[in-house]
């Protein structure tokens, strides 16, 4: 990783659809060099993927983040179960208020509640703390 790689990451964070030609011009390198650097960062697991930011309310869905407090010996089992739940879009191991922070996209509150009940019944889950996203704040 060097300054050019960090610049590429910053550009992609701001807009993953930024043309590689634009990045190349700004860095003073070729488009092929930008593509190569991005591919290397993907291969190394630095860039894990690309996502759209969606206002789920506009398509009759809801976005929620749920904190899970889990016994340490059950973390892997809980994470494996989360992989099997279609509505789970991401899971993060954290050092904050909860052990795992789960991002979900659900049809409605009833579906979210159903998933929360399922999570609460998993071995080692001590607490399920939901937070429903009511709006997305534009920061940039």
N, C-alpha and C. Protein backbone atom coordinates (compact mmCIF):
# COMPACT_ATOMS: atom_id res chain seq x y z
N UNK A 1 0.85 -1.19 0.00
CA UNK A 1 0.00 0.00 0.00
C UNK A 1 0.89 1.24 0.00
N UNK A 2 0.54 2.15 -0.89
CA UNK A 2 1.22 3.44 -0.88
C UNK A 2 0.18 4.55 -1.05
N UNK A 3 0.65 5.76 -1.23
CA UNK A 3 -0.27 6.91 -1.32
C UNK A 3 -1.22 6.79 -2.51
N UNK A 4 -0.74 6.23 -3.62
CA UNK A 4 -1.60 6.09 -4.79
C UNK A 4 -2.73 5.09 -4.51
N UNK A 5 -2.40 3.99 -3.85
CA UNK A 5 -3.42 3.01 -3.49
C UNK A 5 -4.45 3.64 -2.55
N UNK A 6 -3.96 4.39 -1.58
CA UNK A 6 -4.88 5.05 -0.63
C UNK A 6 -5.78 6.05 -1.36
N UNK A 7 -5.23 6.76 -2.33
CA UNK A 7 -6.03 7.70 -3.12
C UNK A 7 -7.12 6.97 -3.90
N UNK A 8 -6.74 5.84 -4.50
CA UNK A 8 -7.71 5.04 -5.25
C UNK A 8 -8.84 4.57 -4.33
N UNK A 9 -8.48 4.10 -3.16
CA UNK A 9 -9.50 3.65 -2.19
C UNK A 9 -10.43 4.80 -1.83
N UNK A 10 -9.88 5.96 -1.57
CA UNK A 10 -10.70 7.13 -1.21
C UNK A 10 -11.67 7.49 -2.33
N UNK A 11 -11.18 7.46 -3.56
CA UNK A 11 -12.06 7.77 -4.70
C UNK A 11 -13.19 6.74 -4.81
N UNK A 12 -12.86 5.46 -4.64
CA UNK A 12 -13.88 4.41 -4.74
C UNK A 12 -14.86 4.47 -3.56
N UNK A 13 -14.39 4.87 -2.39
CA UNK A 13 -15.29 5.03 -1.25
C UNK A 13 -16.31 6.14 -1.51
N UNK A 14 -15.86 7.21 -2.13
CA UNK A 14 -16.76 8.32 -2.44
C UNK A 14 -17.72 7.99 -3.56
N UNK A 15 -17.25 7.19 -4.54
CA UNK A 15 -18.09 6.78 -5.65
C UNK A 15 -17.43 5.58 -6.32
N UNK A 16 -17.97 4.39 -6.06
CA UNK A 16 -17.38 3.17 -6.60
C UNK A 16 -17.45 3.12 -8.13
N UNK A 17 -18.26 4.01 -8.73
CA UNK A 17 -18.38 4.04 -10.19
C UNK A 17 -17.45 5.08 -10.83
N UNK A 18 -16.54 5.65 -10.04
CA UNK A 18 -15.60 6.62 -10.61
C UNK A 18 -14.82 5.96 -11.74
N UNK A 19 -14.81 6.56 -12.90
CA UNK A 19 -14.07 5.95 -14.03
C UNK A 19 -12.58 5.81 -13.71
N UNK A 20 -12.04 4.68 -14.09
CA UNK A 20 -10.61 4.44 -13.85
C UNK A 20 -9.76 5.43 -14.63
N UNK A 21 -10.28 5.89 -15.76
CA UNK A 21 -9.54 6.90 -16.54
C UNK A 21 -9.42 8.20 -15.75
N UNK A 22 -10.47 8.56 -15.02
CA UNK A 22 -10.43 9.77 -14.20
C UNK A 22 -9.40 9.65 -13.08
N UNK A 23 -9.41 8.50 -12.41
CA UNK A 23 -8.44 8.26 -11.33
C UNK A 23 -7.02 8.30 -11.89
N UNK A 24 -6.81 7.65 -13.05
CA UNK A 24 -5.49 7.60 -13.66
C UNK A 24 -4.99 9.01 -13.98
N UNK A 25 -5.87 9.82 -14.55
CA UNK A 25 -5.49 11.20 -14.91
C UNK A 25 -5.09 11.99 -13.67
N UNK A 26 -5.88 11.85 -12.59
CA UNK A 26 -5.59 12.59 -11.37
C UNK A 26 -4.29 12.13 -10.72
N UNK A 27 -3.96 10.84 -10.88
CA UNK A 27 -2.72 10.31 -10.29
C UNK A 27 -1.52 10.43 -11.21
N UNK A 28 -1.76 10.72 -12.49
CA UNK A 28 -0.67 10.81 -13.44
C UNK A 28 -0.10 9.46 -13.83
N UNK A 29 -0.97 8.45 -13.84
CA UNK A 29 -0.57 7.10 -14.26
C UNK A 29 -1.56 6.60 -15.30
N UNK A 30 -1.30 5.45 -15.88
CA UNK A 30 -2.19 4.92 -16.90
C UNK A 30 -3.41 4.26 -16.28
N UNK A 31 -4.45 4.13 -17.11
CA UNK A 31 -5.65 3.42 -16.66
C UNK A 31 -5.32 1.97 -16.33
N UNK A 32 -4.45 1.36 -17.12
CA UNK A 32 -4.04 -0.03 -16.87
C UNK A 32 -3.39 -0.16 -15.50
N UNK A 33 -2.61 0.83 -15.11
CA UNK A 33 -1.97 0.80 -13.79
C UNK A 33 -3.01 0.89 -12.67
N UNK A 34 -4.03 1.71 -12.88
CA UNK A 34 -5.11 1.82 -11.90
C UNK A 34 -5.85 0.49 -11.79
N UNK A 35 -6.19 -0.09 -12.93
CA UNK A 35 -6.87 -1.40 -12.93
C UNK A 35 -6.04 -2.45 -12.19
N UNK A 36 -4.74 -2.46 -12.46
CA UNK A 36 -3.83 -3.42 -11.82
C UNK A 36 -3.80 -3.22 -10.31
N UNK A 37 -3.71 -1.97 -9.88
CA UNK A 37 -3.67 -1.68 -8.45
C UNK A 37 -4.98 -2.12 -7.77
N UNK A 38 -6.11 -1.84 -8.42
CA UNK A 38 -7.41 -2.24 -7.86
C UNK A 38 -7.49 -3.76 -7.77
N UNK A 39 -7.09 -4.44 -8.83
CA UNK A 39 -7.12 -5.91 -8.83
C UNK A 39 -6.24 -6.47 -7.73
N UNK A 40 -5.06 -5.91 -7.53
CA UNK A 40 -4.17 -6.37 -6.46
C UNK A 40 -4.80 -6.17 -5.09
N UNK A 41 -5.46 -5.02 -4.90
CA UNK A 41 -6.12 -4.77 -3.60
C UNK A 41 -7.30 -5.71 -3.40
N UNK A 42 -8.00 -6.05 -4.46
CA UNK A 42 -9.09 -7.04 -4.37
C UNK A 42 -8.52 -8.41 -4.03
N UNK A 43 -7.44 -8.81 -4.71
CA UNK A 43 -6.83 -10.12 -4.47
C UNK A 43 -6.29 -10.26 -3.05
N UNK A 44 -5.80 -9.15 -2.49
CA UNK A 44 -5.25 -9.17 -1.13
C UNK A 44 -6.34 -9.06 -0.06
N UNK A 45 -7.59 -8.86 -0.49
CA UNK A 45 -8.67 -8.72 0.48
C UNK A 45 -8.76 -7.34 1.10
N UNK A 46 -8.10 -6.38 0.50
CA UNK A 46 -8.20 -5.00 0.99
C UNK A 46 -9.52 -4.40 0.55
N UNK A 47 -9.83 -4.55 -0.73
CA UNK A 47 -11.14 -4.16 -1.26
C UNK A 47 -11.99 -5.42 -1.27
N UNK A 48 -13.05 -5.41 -0.48
CA UNK A 48 -13.87 -6.62 -0.32
C UNK A 48 -15.05 -6.67 -1.27
N UNK A 49 -15.43 -5.54 -1.86
CA UNK A 49 -16.57 -5.52 -2.76
C UNK A 49 -17.05 -4.11 -2.98
N UNK A 50 -18.14 -4.00 -3.71
CA UNK A 50 -18.72 -2.70 -4.06
C UNK A 50 -20.21 -2.77 -3.79
N UNK A 51 -20.78 -1.70 -3.23
CA UNK A 51 -22.19 -1.72 -2.87
C UNK A 51 -22.87 -0.42 -3.28
N UNK A 52 -24.15 -0.55 -3.53
CA UNK A 52 -24.97 0.64 -3.76
C UNK A 52 -25.56 1.08 -2.42
N UNK A 53 -25.71 2.36 -2.24
CA UNK A 53 -26.40 2.89 -1.06
C UNK A 53 -27.84 3.12 -1.48
N UNK A 54 -28.75 2.42 -0.83
CA UNK A 54 -30.15 2.41 -1.26
C UNK A 54 -31.04 3.00 -0.17
N UNK A 55 -32.00 3.80 -0.57
CA UNK A 55 -33.04 4.26 0.35
C UNK A 55 -34.13 3.20 0.31
N UNK A 56 -34.06 2.25 1.21
CA UNK A 56 -34.93 1.07 1.19
C UNK A 56 -36.40 1.43 1.32
N UNK A 57 -36.70 2.52 1.98
CA UNK A 57 -38.11 2.92 2.15
C UNK A 57 -38.78 3.17 0.81
N UNK A 58 -38.01 3.64 -0.15
CA UNK A 58 -38.58 3.98 -1.45
C UNK A 58 -38.97 2.74 -2.25
N UNK A 59 -38.52 1.58 -1.82
CA UNK A 59 -38.93 0.34 -2.49
C UNK A 59 -39.59 -0.61 -1.49
N UNK A 60 -40.22 0.01 -0.49
CA UNK A 60 -41.01 -0.72 0.51
C UNK A 60 -40.23 -1.81 1.25
N UNK A 61 -39.02 -1.47 1.64
CA UNK A 61 -38.21 -2.34 2.49
C UNK A 61 -37.72 -1.52 3.67
N UNK A 62 -37.19 -2.22 4.66
CA UNK A 62 -36.63 -1.50 5.80
C UNK A 62 -35.22 -2.00 6.09
N UNK A 63 -34.41 -1.09 6.56
CA UNK A 63 -33.01 -1.38 6.89
C UNK A 63 -32.89 -1.32 8.41
N UNK A 64 -32.20 -2.30 8.98
CA UNK A 64 -32.01 -2.31 10.43
C UNK A 64 -30.61 -2.78 10.77
N UNK A 65 -30.11 -2.24 11.85
CA UNK A 65 -28.86 -2.73 12.43
C UNK A 65 -29.22 -3.33 13.78
N UNK A 66 -28.71 -4.52 14.02
CA UNK A 66 -29.03 -5.21 15.27
C UNK A 66 -27.75 -5.59 15.97
N UNK A 67 -27.63 -5.17 17.22
CA UNK A 67 -26.48 -5.55 18.03
C UNK A 67 -26.76 -6.87 18.72
N UNK A 68 -25.79 -7.76 18.70
CA UNK A 68 -25.93 -9.05 19.38
C UNK A 68 -24.84 -9.17 20.44
N UNK A 69 -25.25 -9.50 21.64
CA UNK A 69 -24.30 -9.82 22.69
C UNK A 69 -24.23 -11.34 22.76
N UNK A 70 -23.03 -11.88 22.59
CA UNK A 70 -22.86 -13.33 22.42
C UNK A 70 -21.73 -13.82 23.31
N UNK A 71 -21.92 -14.99 23.91
CA UNK A 71 -20.84 -15.62 24.65
C UNK A 71 -19.69 -15.89 23.69
N UNK A 72 -18.45 -15.62 24.09
CA UNK A 72 -17.30 -15.78 23.19
C UNK A 72 -17.22 -17.16 22.53
N UNK A 73 -17.56 -18.21 23.27
CA UNK A 73 -17.45 -19.56 22.71
C UNK A 73 -18.49 -19.85 21.63
N UNK A 74 -19.49 -18.98 21.49
CA UNK A 74 -20.55 -19.18 20.50
C UNK A 74 -20.45 -18.24 19.30
N UNK A 75 -19.43 -17.38 19.26
CA UNK A 75 -19.33 -16.38 18.19
C UNK A 75 -19.33 -17.00 16.80
N UNK A 76 -18.49 -17.99 16.58
CA UNK A 76 -18.40 -18.59 15.23
C UNK A 76 -19.71 -19.26 14.83
N UNK A 77 -20.35 -19.93 15.77
CA UNK A 77 -21.63 -20.58 15.48
C UNK A 77 -22.69 -19.55 15.09
N UNK A 78 -22.73 -18.45 15.82
CA UNK A 78 -23.70 -17.39 15.51
C UNK A 78 -23.39 -16.78 14.14
N UNK A 79 -22.12 -16.49 13.87
CA UNK A 79 -21.74 -15.93 12.56
C UNK A 79 -22.11 -16.87 11.42
N UNK A 80 -21.91 -18.16 11.61
CA UNK A 80 -22.29 -19.13 10.57
C UNK A 80 -23.79 -19.14 10.34
N UNK A 81 -24.57 -18.99 11.40
CA UNK A 81 -26.02 -18.93 11.26
C UNK A 81 -26.43 -17.66 10.52
N UNK A 82 -25.77 -16.54 10.80
CA UNK A 82 -26.08 -15.28 10.13
C UNK A 82 -25.87 -15.39 8.62
N UNK A 83 -24.86 -16.16 8.19
CA UNK A 83 -24.60 -16.35 6.77
C UNK A 83 -25.78 -17.01 6.06
N UNK A 84 -26.55 -17.78 6.80
CA UNK A 84 -27.67 -18.52 6.22
C UNK A 84 -28.96 -17.71 6.12
N UNK A 85 -29.00 -16.55 6.75
CA UNK A 85 -30.21 -15.72 6.76
C UNK A 85 -30.14 -14.73 5.60
N UNK A 86 -31.04 -14.91 4.64
CA UNK A 86 -31.02 -14.12 3.40
C UNK A 86 -31.06 -12.61 3.67
N UNK A 87 -31.81 -12.20 4.66
CA UNK A 87 -31.99 -10.77 4.94
C UNK A 87 -30.73 -10.12 5.53
N UNK A 88 -29.82 -10.92 6.04
CA UNK A 88 -28.57 -10.38 6.61
C UNK A 88 -27.64 -10.01 5.46
N UNK A 89 -27.26 -8.75 5.42
CA UNK A 89 -26.40 -8.25 4.34
C UNK A 89 -24.96 -8.08 4.78
N UNK A 90 -24.73 -7.91 6.09
CA UNK A 90 -23.37 -7.76 6.60
C UNK A 90 -23.39 -8.05 8.10
N UNK A 91 -22.26 -8.52 8.60
CA UNK A 91 -22.09 -8.73 10.03
C UNK A 91 -20.67 -8.29 10.40
N UNK A 92 -20.57 -7.55 11.49
CA UNK A 92 -19.30 -6.99 11.91
C UNK A 92 -19.00 -7.41 13.34
N UNK A 93 -17.82 -7.94 13.60
CA UNK A 93 -17.37 -8.17 14.97
C UNK A 93 -16.90 -6.83 15.50
N UNK A 94 -17.38 -6.44 16.67
CA UNK A 94 -17.07 -5.10 17.17
C UNK A 94 -16.50 -5.16 18.59
N UNK A 95 -15.90 -4.06 18.98
CA UNK A 95 -15.38 -3.94 20.35
C UNK A 95 -16.22 -2.93 21.14
N UNK A 96 -17.35 -2.54 20.61
CA UNK A 96 -18.18 -1.53 21.24
C UNK A 96 -19.23 -2.13 22.15
N UNK A 97 -20.44 -1.62 22.05
CA UNK A 97 -21.53 -2.03 22.93
C UNK A 97 -21.95 -3.48 22.72
N UNK A 98 -21.73 -4.00 21.51
CA UNK A 98 -22.18 -5.36 21.18
C UNK A 98 -21.03 -6.14 20.57
N UNK A 99 -21.13 -7.45 20.63
CA UNK A 99 -20.09 -8.31 20.05
C UNK A 99 -20.19 -8.38 18.53
N UNK A 100 -21.43 -8.40 18.04
CA UNK A 100 -21.68 -8.47 16.60
C UNK A 100 -22.70 -7.40 16.25
N UNK A 101 -22.45 -6.68 15.17
CA UNK A 101 -23.42 -5.73 14.63
C UNK A 101 -23.87 -6.28 13.28
N UNK A 102 -25.18 -6.47 13.14
CA UNK A 102 -25.75 -7.12 11.97
C UNK A 102 -26.57 -6.12 11.18
N UNK A 103 -26.32 -6.03 9.87
CA UNK A 103 -27.14 -5.19 9.00
C UNK A 103 -28.11 -6.08 8.24
N UNK A 104 -29.39 -5.72 8.29
CA UNK A 104 -30.44 -6.50 7.63
C UNK A 104 -31.33 -5.62 6.78
N UNK A 105 -31.87 -6.22 5.71
CA UNK A 105 -32.89 -5.58 4.89
C UNK A 105 -34.12 -6.50 4.97
N UNK A 106 -35.22 -5.96 5.46
CA UNK A 106 -36.43 -6.76 5.67
C UNK A 106 -37.62 -6.16 4.93
N UNK A 107 -38.64 -7.01 4.72
CA UNK A 107 -39.87 -6.53 4.07
C UNK A 107 -40.64 -5.60 4.98
N UNK A 108 -40.67 -5.94 6.28
CA UNK A 108 -41.47 -5.15 7.22
C UNK A 108 -41.03 -5.47 8.65
N UNK A 109 -41.66 -4.80 9.60
CA UNK A 109 -41.33 -4.99 11.02
C UNK A 109 -41.62 -6.42 11.46
N UNK A 110 -42.66 -7.01 10.94
CA UNK A 110 -42.98 -8.39 11.32
C UNK A 110 -41.85 -9.35 10.95
N UNK A 111 -41.31 -9.18 9.76
CA UNK A 111 -40.20 -10.05 9.35
C UNK A 111 -38.97 -9.79 10.22
N UNK A 112 -38.70 -8.53 10.51
CA UNK A 112 -37.58 -8.19 11.38
C UNK A 112 -37.75 -8.83 12.76
N UNK A 113 -38.95 -8.75 13.30
CA UNK A 113 -39.22 -9.34 14.61
C UNK A 113 -39.04 -10.86 14.58
N UNK A 114 -39.46 -11.48 13.49
CA UNK A 114 -39.29 -12.93 13.33
C UNK A 114 -37.80 -13.32 13.35
N UNK A 115 -37.00 -12.54 12.65
CA UNK A 115 -35.56 -12.80 12.62
C UNK A 115 -34.95 -12.58 14.00
N UNK A 116 -35.38 -11.53 14.67
CA UNK A 116 -34.86 -11.26 16.02
C UNK A 116 -35.19 -12.38 16.98
N UNK A 117 -36.38 -12.92 16.88
CA UNK A 117 -36.75 -14.05 17.74
C UNK A 117 -35.85 -15.25 17.45
N UNK A 118 -35.61 -15.50 16.17
CA UNK A 118 -34.72 -16.61 15.78
C UNK A 118 -33.31 -16.40 16.33
N UNK A 119 -32.82 -15.16 16.24
CA UNK A 119 -31.47 -14.87 16.75
C UNK A 119 -31.41 -15.01 18.26
N UNK A 120 -32.45 -14.57 18.95
CA UNK A 120 -32.48 -14.65 20.41
C UNK A 120 -32.44 -16.09 20.92
N UNK A 121 -32.91 -17.03 20.10
CA UNK A 121 -32.94 -18.43 20.49
C UNK A 121 -31.63 -19.17 20.21
N UNK A 122 -30.70 -18.53 19.53
CA UNK A 122 -29.43 -19.19 19.22
C UNK A 122 -28.62 -19.41 20.49
N UNK A 123 -27.93 -20.54 20.58
CA UNK A 123 -27.08 -20.79 21.75
C UNK A 123 -26.04 -19.70 21.92
N UNK A 124 -25.94 -19.17 23.12
CA UNK A 124 -24.94 -18.17 23.43
C UNK A 124 -25.36 -16.73 23.22
N UNK A 125 -26.49 -16.50 22.57
CA UNK A 125 -26.95 -15.12 22.37
C UNK A 125 -27.60 -14.65 23.66
N UNK A 126 -27.01 -13.61 24.25
CA UNK A 126 -27.50 -13.10 25.54
C UNK A 126 -28.50 -11.95 25.36
N UNK A 127 -28.31 -11.18 24.26
CA UNK A 127 -29.17 -10.01 24.07
C UNK A 127 -29.22 -9.64 22.60
N UNK A 128 -30.40 -9.21 22.14
CA UNK A 128 -30.64 -8.76 20.77
C UNK A 128 -31.13 -7.31 20.86
N UNK A 129 -30.40 -6.39 20.25
CA UNK A 129 -30.72 -4.96 20.37
C UNK A 129 -30.93 -4.34 18.98
N UNK A 130 -32.19 -4.22 18.56
CA UNK A 130 -32.47 -3.70 17.21
C UNK A 130 -32.45 -2.18 17.13
N UNK A 131 -32.06 -1.69 15.96
CA UNK A 131 -32.15 -0.28 15.62
C UNK A 131 -32.62 -0.21 14.18
N UNK A 132 -33.78 0.40 13.97
CA UNK A 132 -34.33 0.54 12.63
C UNK A 132 -33.86 1.86 12.04
N UNK A 133 -33.37 1.82 10.81
CA UNK A 133 -32.93 3.04 10.13
C UNK A 133 -34.17 3.80 9.68
N UNK A 134 -34.31 5.05 10.12
CA UNK A 134 -35.47 5.84 9.73
C UNK A 134 -35.17 6.77 8.56
N UNK A 135 -33.89 7.12 8.37
CA UNK A 135 -33.48 7.88 7.20
C UNK A 135 -31.98 7.78 7.05
N UNK A 136 -31.50 8.11 5.86
CA UNK A 136 -30.08 8.08 5.58
C UNK A 136 -29.58 9.52 5.53
N UNK A 137 -28.59 9.83 6.34
CA UNK A 137 -28.03 11.18 6.35
C UNK A 137 -26.96 11.26 5.28
N UNK A 138 -27.05 12.27 4.42
CA UNK A 138 -26.03 12.48 3.39
C UNK A 138 -24.87 13.21 4.03
N UNK A 139 -23.72 12.59 4.00
CA UNK A 139 -22.53 13.18 4.61
C UNK A 139 -21.59 13.81 3.59
N UNK A 140 -21.74 13.44 2.34
CA UNK A 140 -20.86 13.98 1.30
C UNK A 140 -21.68 14.45 0.13
